[in-house]
């Protein structure tokens, strides 16, 4: 949304800034800076900040829900780490078993062949 009014303007990088206008905020996703007249830019920036903070507070979860979500997140993280550890442990165990079987097959006489159980 372009602001082309008396009180505010949106300018991209490199655009000429009119005299007496100051930047109130910058929107990095759109690469646009919003400018207002000199004393008004503080009021507009503060109003935008207050509206954003009020929106965060209004849409926030209740405390019980937040704590429950935190506990579930911690539990899922522990479960994921345990699964990674178990997978690595089993892979290492199979690697060790294969190395032992190769060593036994190399040292065993030809009539005693050892096969790995599947």
N, C-alpha and C. Protein backbone atom coordinates (compact mmCIF):
# COMPACT_ATOMS: atom_id res chain seq x y z
N UNK A 1 0.85 -1.16 0.00
CA UNK A 1 0.00 0.00 0.00
C UNK A 1 0.90 1.23 0.00
N UNK A 2 0.71 2.07 -0.95
CA UNK A 2 1.51 3.30 -1.05
C UNK A 2 0.84 4.40 -0.25
N UNK A 3 1.65 5.17 0.42
CA UNK A 3 1.14 6.32 1.16
C UNK A 3 1.53 7.57 0.39
N UNK A 4 0.56 8.16 -0.23
CA UNK A 4 0.80 9.41 -0.96
C UNK A 4 -0.17 10.45 -0.43
N UNK A 5 0.12 10.91 0.75
CA UNK A 5 -0.75 11.92 1.34
C UNK A 5 0.12 13.02 1.94
N UNK A 6 -0.52 13.93 2.59
CA UNK A 6 0.19 15.08 3.15
C UNK A 6 1.06 14.66 4.33
N UNK A 7 0.61 13.69 5.12
CA UNK A 7 1.29 13.37 6.37
C UNK A 7 2.38 12.32 6.26
N UNK A 8 2.27 11.36 5.37
CA UNK A 8 3.26 10.30 5.31
C UNK A 8 3.59 9.87 3.89
N UNK A 9 4.81 9.39 3.71
CA UNK A 9 5.25 8.91 2.39
C UNK A 9 6.09 7.66 2.56
N UNK A 10 5.97 6.77 1.58
CA UNK A 10 6.81 5.58 1.53
C UNK A 10 7.85 5.81 0.44
N UNK A 11 9.11 5.68 0.81
CA UNK A 11 10.18 5.90 -0.14
C UNK A 11 11.10 4.70 -0.16
N UNK A 12 11.57 4.34 -1.34
CA UNK A 12 12.52 3.24 -1.47
C UNK A 12 13.94 3.78 -1.32
N UNK A 13 14.89 2.88 -1.33
CA UNK A 13 16.29 3.26 -1.17
C UNK A 13 16.73 4.13 -2.34
N UNK A 14 17.34 5.24 -2.03
CA UNK A 14 17.86 6.13 -3.06
C UNK A 14 16.90 7.21 -3.50
N UNK A 15 15.66 7.18 -3.04
CA UNK A 15 14.69 8.21 -3.42
C UNK A 15 15.00 9.49 -2.65
N UNK A 16 14.76 10.65 -3.26
CA UNK A 16 15.03 11.90 -2.56
C UNK A 16 14.05 12.11 -1.40
N UNK A 17 14.59 12.51 -0.25
CA UNK A 17 13.77 12.74 0.95
C UNK A 17 13.44 14.23 1.00
N UNK A 18 12.16 14.57 1.08
CA UNK A 18 11.80 15.98 1.15
C UNK A 18 12.31 16.63 2.44
N UNK A 19 12.53 17.95 2.38
CA UNK A 19 13.02 18.67 3.55
C UNK A 19 11.98 18.63 4.66
N UNK A 20 12.45 18.43 5.88
CA UNK A 20 11.56 18.43 7.04
C UNK A 20 10.91 17.08 7.32
N UNK A 21 11.18 16.07 6.52
CA UNK A 21 10.60 14.74 6.71
C UNK A 21 11.64 13.86 7.39
N UNK A 22 11.20 13.01 8.30
CA UNK A 22 12.08 12.09 9.01
C UNK A 22 11.51 10.68 8.92
N UNK A 23 12.40 9.70 8.96
CA UNK A 23 11.96 8.31 8.85
C UNK A 23 11.32 7.87 10.16
N UNK A 24 10.11 7.34 10.07
CA UNK A 24 9.41 6.83 11.24
C UNK A 24 9.73 5.35 11.44
N UNK A 25 9.73 4.56 10.37
CA UNK A 25 10.09 3.15 10.45
C UNK A 25 10.50 2.65 9.08
N UNK A 26 11.15 1.50 9.09
CA UNK A 26 11.62 0.86 7.86
C UNK A 26 11.02 -0.52 7.78
N UNK A 27 10.52 -0.89 6.62
CA UNK A 27 9.94 -2.22 6.41
C UNK A 27 10.90 -3.01 5.52
N UNK A 28 11.73 -3.91 6.11
CA UNK A 28 12.76 -4.59 5.33
C UNK A 28 12.21 -5.54 4.27
N UNK A 29 11.08 -6.15 4.49
CA UNK A 29 10.57 -7.09 3.49
C UNK A 29 10.17 -6.37 2.21
N UNK A 30 9.63 -5.18 2.35
CA UNK A 30 9.23 -4.39 1.19
C UNK A 30 10.32 -3.44 0.73
N UNK A 31 11.38 -3.29 1.54
CA UNK A 31 12.48 -2.36 1.27
C UNK A 31 11.97 -0.94 1.08
N UNK A 32 11.12 -0.56 2.02
CA UNK A 32 10.49 0.75 1.97
C UNK A 32 10.63 1.41 3.33
N UNK A 33 10.97 2.69 3.32
CA UNK A 33 11.01 3.48 4.54
C UNK A 33 9.80 4.41 4.54
N UNK A 34 9.17 4.54 5.70
CA UNK A 34 7.99 5.39 5.82
C UNK A 34 8.42 6.67 6.51
N UNK A 35 8.15 7.79 5.87
CA UNK A 35 8.57 9.10 6.36
C UNK A 35 7.35 9.93 6.74
N UNK A 36 7.50 10.73 7.79
CA UNK A 36 6.47 11.67 8.22
C UNK A 36 7.13 13.01 8.49
N UNK A 37 6.31 14.04 8.63
CA UNK A 37 6.83 15.35 8.98
C UNK A 37 7.53 15.28 10.32
N UNK A 38 8.48 16.17 10.54
CA UNK A 38 9.43 16.08 11.65
C UNK A 38 8.82 15.79 13.02
N UNK A 39 7.90 16.54 13.56
CA UNK A 39 7.44 16.16 14.91
C UNK A 39 6.50 14.97 14.90
N UNK A 40 5.86 14.72 13.76
CA UNK A 40 4.86 13.66 13.68
C UNK A 40 5.48 12.28 13.57
N UNK A 41 6.73 12.16 13.12
CA UNK A 41 7.32 10.84 12.92
C UNK A 41 7.52 10.10 14.23
N UNK A 42 7.76 10.81 15.35
CA UNK A 42 7.86 10.14 16.65
C UNK A 42 6.51 9.58 17.10
N UNK A 43 5.48 10.37 16.90
CA UNK A 43 4.13 9.94 17.31
C UNK A 43 3.71 8.72 16.49
N UNK A 44 3.94 8.75 15.19
CA UNK A 44 3.54 7.63 14.33
C UNK A 44 4.34 6.36 14.64
N UNK A 45 5.64 6.53 14.89
CA UNK A 45 6.46 5.36 15.23
C UNK A 45 6.01 4.77 16.56
N UNK A 46 5.74 5.62 17.55
CA UNK A 46 5.27 5.13 18.85
C UNK A 46 3.90 4.47 18.72
N UNK A 47 3.01 5.07 17.92
CA UNK A 47 1.69 4.46 17.71
C UNK A 47 1.77 3.11 17.03
N UNK A 48 2.65 2.99 16.04
CA UNK A 48 2.83 1.70 15.37
C UNK A 48 3.38 0.66 16.33
N UNK A 49 4.34 1.04 17.16
CA UNK A 49 4.93 0.13 18.14
C UNK A 49 3.89 -0.32 19.17
N UNK A 50 3.09 0.63 19.66
CA UNK A 50 2.05 0.29 20.64
C UNK A 50 1.00 -0.64 20.02
N UNK A 51 0.61 -0.37 18.77
CA UNK A 51 -0.37 -1.24 18.11
C UNK A 51 0.19 -2.65 17.95
N UNK A 52 1.47 -2.75 17.61
CA UNK A 52 2.08 -4.07 17.45
C UNK A 52 2.13 -4.81 18.79
N UNK A 53 2.53 -4.11 19.87
CA UNK A 53 2.59 -4.75 21.18
C UNK A 53 1.21 -5.14 21.69
N UNK A 54 0.22 -4.30 21.43
CA UNK A 54 -1.15 -4.63 21.84
C UNK A 54 -1.64 -5.86 21.08
N UNK A 55 -1.32 -5.95 19.79
CA UNK A 55 -1.70 -7.13 19.01
C UNK A 55 -1.05 -8.40 19.53
N UNK A 56 0.22 -8.31 19.94
CA UNK A 56 0.88 -9.47 20.53
C UNK A 56 0.20 -9.90 21.81
N UNK A 57 -0.11 -8.93 22.67
CA UNK A 57 -0.75 -9.26 23.95
C UNK A 57 -2.16 -9.80 23.72
N UNK A 58 -2.88 -9.26 22.77
CA UNK A 58 -4.25 -9.69 22.53
C UNK A 58 -4.30 -11.11 21.98
N UNK A 59 -3.35 -11.47 21.14
CA UNK A 59 -3.36 -12.79 20.49
C UNK A 59 -2.53 -13.84 21.23
N UNK A 60 -1.97 -13.49 22.36
CA UNK A 60 -1.12 -14.43 23.10
C UNK A 60 -1.96 -15.52 23.77
N UNK A 61 -1.34 -16.69 23.96
CA UNK A 61 -2.01 -17.78 24.66
C UNK A 61 -2.09 -17.47 26.14
N UNK A 62 -3.00 -18.14 26.81
CA UNK A 62 -3.05 -18.00 28.26
C UNK A 62 -1.82 -18.67 28.87
N UNK A 63 -1.55 -18.37 30.12
CA UNK A 63 -0.33 -18.86 30.78
C UNK A 63 -0.31 -20.39 30.83
N UNK A 64 -1.44 -21.01 31.16
CA UNK A 64 -1.48 -22.47 31.25
C UNK A 64 -1.18 -23.11 29.90
N UNK A 65 -1.72 -22.53 28.84
CA UNK A 65 -1.49 -23.07 27.50
C UNK A 65 -0.02 -22.92 27.12
N UNK A 66 0.56 -21.78 27.45
CA UNK A 66 1.97 -21.55 27.14
C UNK A 66 2.86 -22.54 27.88
N UNK A 67 2.58 -22.76 29.17
CA UNK A 67 3.39 -23.71 29.95
C UNK A 67 3.22 -25.12 29.42
N UNK A 68 2.00 -25.48 29.05
CA UNK A 68 1.76 -26.81 28.49
C UNK A 68 2.52 -27.00 27.18
N UNK A 69 2.49 -25.98 26.32
CA UNK A 69 3.22 -26.06 25.06
C UNK A 69 4.73 -26.17 25.30
N UNK A 70 5.24 -25.44 26.29
CA UNK A 70 6.67 -25.52 26.61
C UNK A 70 7.05 -26.92 27.08
N UNK A 71 6.21 -27.51 27.95
CA UNK A 71 6.50 -28.87 28.44
C UNK A 71 6.47 -29.88 27.29
N UNK A 72 5.50 -29.75 26.40
CA UNK A 72 5.42 -30.66 25.26
C UNK A 72 6.62 -30.49 24.34
N UNK A 73 7.07 -29.26 24.16
CA UNK A 73 8.23 -29.00 23.32
C UNK A 73 9.48 -29.65 23.91
N UNK A 74 9.65 -29.52 25.23
CA UNK A 74 10.81 -30.13 25.90
C UNK A 74 10.74 -31.65 25.78
N UNK A 75 9.55 -32.23 25.98
CA UNK A 75 9.40 -33.67 25.88
C UNK A 75 9.71 -34.17 24.48
N UNK A 76 9.22 -33.46 23.45
CA UNK A 76 9.50 -33.87 22.06
C UNK A 76 10.98 -33.76 21.75
N UNK A 77 11.65 -32.74 22.28
CA UNK A 77 13.09 -32.59 22.04
C UNK A 77 13.86 -33.74 22.69
N UNK A 78 13.50 -34.10 23.91
CA UNK A 78 14.16 -35.24 24.57
C UNK A 78 13.91 -36.53 23.82
N UNK A 79 12.69 -36.71 23.33
CA UNK A 79 12.36 -37.91 22.58
C UNK A 79 13.18 -37.98 21.29
N UNK A 80 13.31 -36.85 20.60
CA UNK A 80 14.08 -36.81 19.37
C UNK A 80 15.55 -37.14 19.63
N UNK A 81 16.11 -36.57 20.71
CA UNK A 81 17.50 -36.86 21.05
C UNK A 81 17.69 -38.34 21.41
N UNK A 82 16.71 -38.92 22.13
CA UNK A 82 16.80 -40.34 22.49
C UNK A 82 16.75 -41.22 21.25
N UNK A 83 15.91 -40.86 20.28
CA UNK A 83 15.82 -41.64 19.05
C UNK A 83 17.12 -41.54 18.25
N UNK A 84 17.71 -40.35 18.20
CA UNK A 84 18.99 -40.19 17.51
C UNK A 84 20.08 -41.01 18.19
N UNK A 85 20.09 -40.99 19.52
CA UNK A 85 21.09 -41.76 20.26
C UNK A 85 20.91 -43.25 20.00
N UNK A 86 19.66 -43.72 20.05
CA UNK A 86 19.40 -45.14 19.83
C UNK A 86 19.79 -45.57 18.41
N UNK A 87 19.48 -44.74 17.43
CA UNK A 87 19.85 -45.08 16.05
C UNK A 87 21.36 -45.15 15.91
N UNK A 88 22.08 -44.20 16.50
CA UNK A 88 23.54 -44.22 16.44
C UNK A 88 24.12 -45.40 17.19
N UNK A 89 23.53 -45.73 18.33
CA UNK A 89 23.99 -46.86 19.13
C UNK A 89 23.83 -48.15 18.35
N UNK A 90 22.67 -48.34 17.71
CA UNK A 90 22.43 -49.57 16.94
C UNK A 90 23.34 -49.64 15.72
N UNK A 91 23.56 -48.51 15.07
CA UNK A 91 24.46 -48.51 13.91
C UNK A 91 25.87 -48.89 14.34
N UNK A 92 26.33 -48.35 15.46
CA UNK A 92 27.65 -48.71 15.98
C UNK A 92 27.73 -50.17 16.38
N UNK A 93 26.65 -50.69 16.98
CA UNK A 93 26.63 -52.10 17.39
C UNK A 93 26.72 -53.00 16.17
N UNK A 94 25.97 -52.68 15.10
CA UNK A 94 26.03 -53.49 13.88
C UNK A 94 27.41 -53.41 13.23
N UNK A 95 28.02 -52.25 13.26
CA UNK A 95 29.36 -52.10 12.70
C UNK A 95 30.36 -52.94 13.49
N UNK A 96 30.23 -52.93 14.81
CA UNK A 96 31.13 -53.72 15.65
C UNK A 96 30.92 -55.22 15.40
N UNK A 97 29.67 -55.63 15.29
CA UNK A 97 29.36 -57.04 15.03
C UNK A 97 29.95 -57.48 13.69
N UNK A 98 29.80 -56.64 12.66
CA UNK A 98 30.36 -56.97 11.34
C UNK A 98 31.88 -57.11 11.42
N UNK A 99 32.54 -56.22 12.15
CA UNK A 99 34.00 -56.29 12.29
C UNK A 99 34.41 -57.56 13.03
N UNK A 100 33.65 -57.93 14.07
CA UNK A 100 33.96 -59.17 14.80
C UNK A 100 33.77 -60.39 13.92
N UNK A 101 32.69 -60.39 13.13
CA UNK A 101 32.43 -61.53 12.25
C UNK A 101 33.52 -61.67 11.19
N UNK A 102 33.97 -60.53 10.66
CA UNK A 102 35.06 -60.58 9.68
C UNK A 102 36.34 -61.10 10.32
N UNK A 103 36.60 -60.72 11.56
CA UNK A 103 37.81 -61.18 12.24
C UNK A 103 37.72 -62.68 12.51
N UNK A 104 36.55 -63.16 12.93
CA UNK A 104 36.40 -64.59 13.17
C UNK A 104 36.51 -65.39 11.88
N UNK A 105 35.94 -64.89 10.81
CA UNK A 105 36.01 -65.60 9.54
C UNK A 105 37.44 -65.64 9.01
N UNK A 106 38.21 -64.60 9.26
CA UNK A 106 39.60 -64.57 8.80
C UNK A 106 40.47 -65.52 9.60
N UNK A 107 40.20 -65.73 10.90
CA UNK A 107 41.04 -66.58 11.73
C UNK A 107 40.51 -68.00 11.86
N UNK A 108 39.26 -68.23 11.50
CA UNK A 108 38.68 -69.58 11.66
C UNK A 108 39.19 -70.50 10.55
N UNK A 109 39.38 -71.79 10.90
CA UNK A 109 39.76 -72.76 9.85
C UNK A 109 38.65 -72.84 8.80
N UNK A 110 38.98 -73.30 7.60
CA UNK A 110 38.00 -73.33 6.51
C UNK A 110 36.78 -74.19 6.82
N UNK A 111 36.89 -75.22 7.67
CA UNK A 111 35.74 -76.10 7.91
C UNK A 111 34.74 -75.47 8.89
N UNK A 112 35.15 -74.46 9.63
CA UNK A 112 34.25 -73.79 10.59
C UNK A 112 33.89 -72.41 10.05
N UNK A 113 32.95 -72.32 9.21
CA UNK A 113 32.50 -71.03 8.69
C UNK A 113 31.40 -70.51 9.60
N UNK A 114 31.55 -69.28 10.02
CA UNK A 114 30.55 -68.64 10.88
C UNK A 114 29.74 -67.68 10.02
N UNK A 115 28.46 -67.81 10.08
CA UNK A 115 27.60 -66.89 9.32
C UNK A 115 26.86 -65.98 10.29
N UNK A 116 26.63 -64.81 9.86
CA UNK A 116 25.96 -63.82 10.71
C UNK A 116 24.46 -64.08 10.71
N UNK A 117 23.86 -64.15 11.91
CA UNK A 117 22.40 -64.35 11.94
C UNK A 117 21.69 -63.05 11.53
N UNK A 118 20.62 -63.17 10.76
CA UNK A 118 19.89 -61.99 10.31
C UNK A 118 18.67 -61.74 11.13
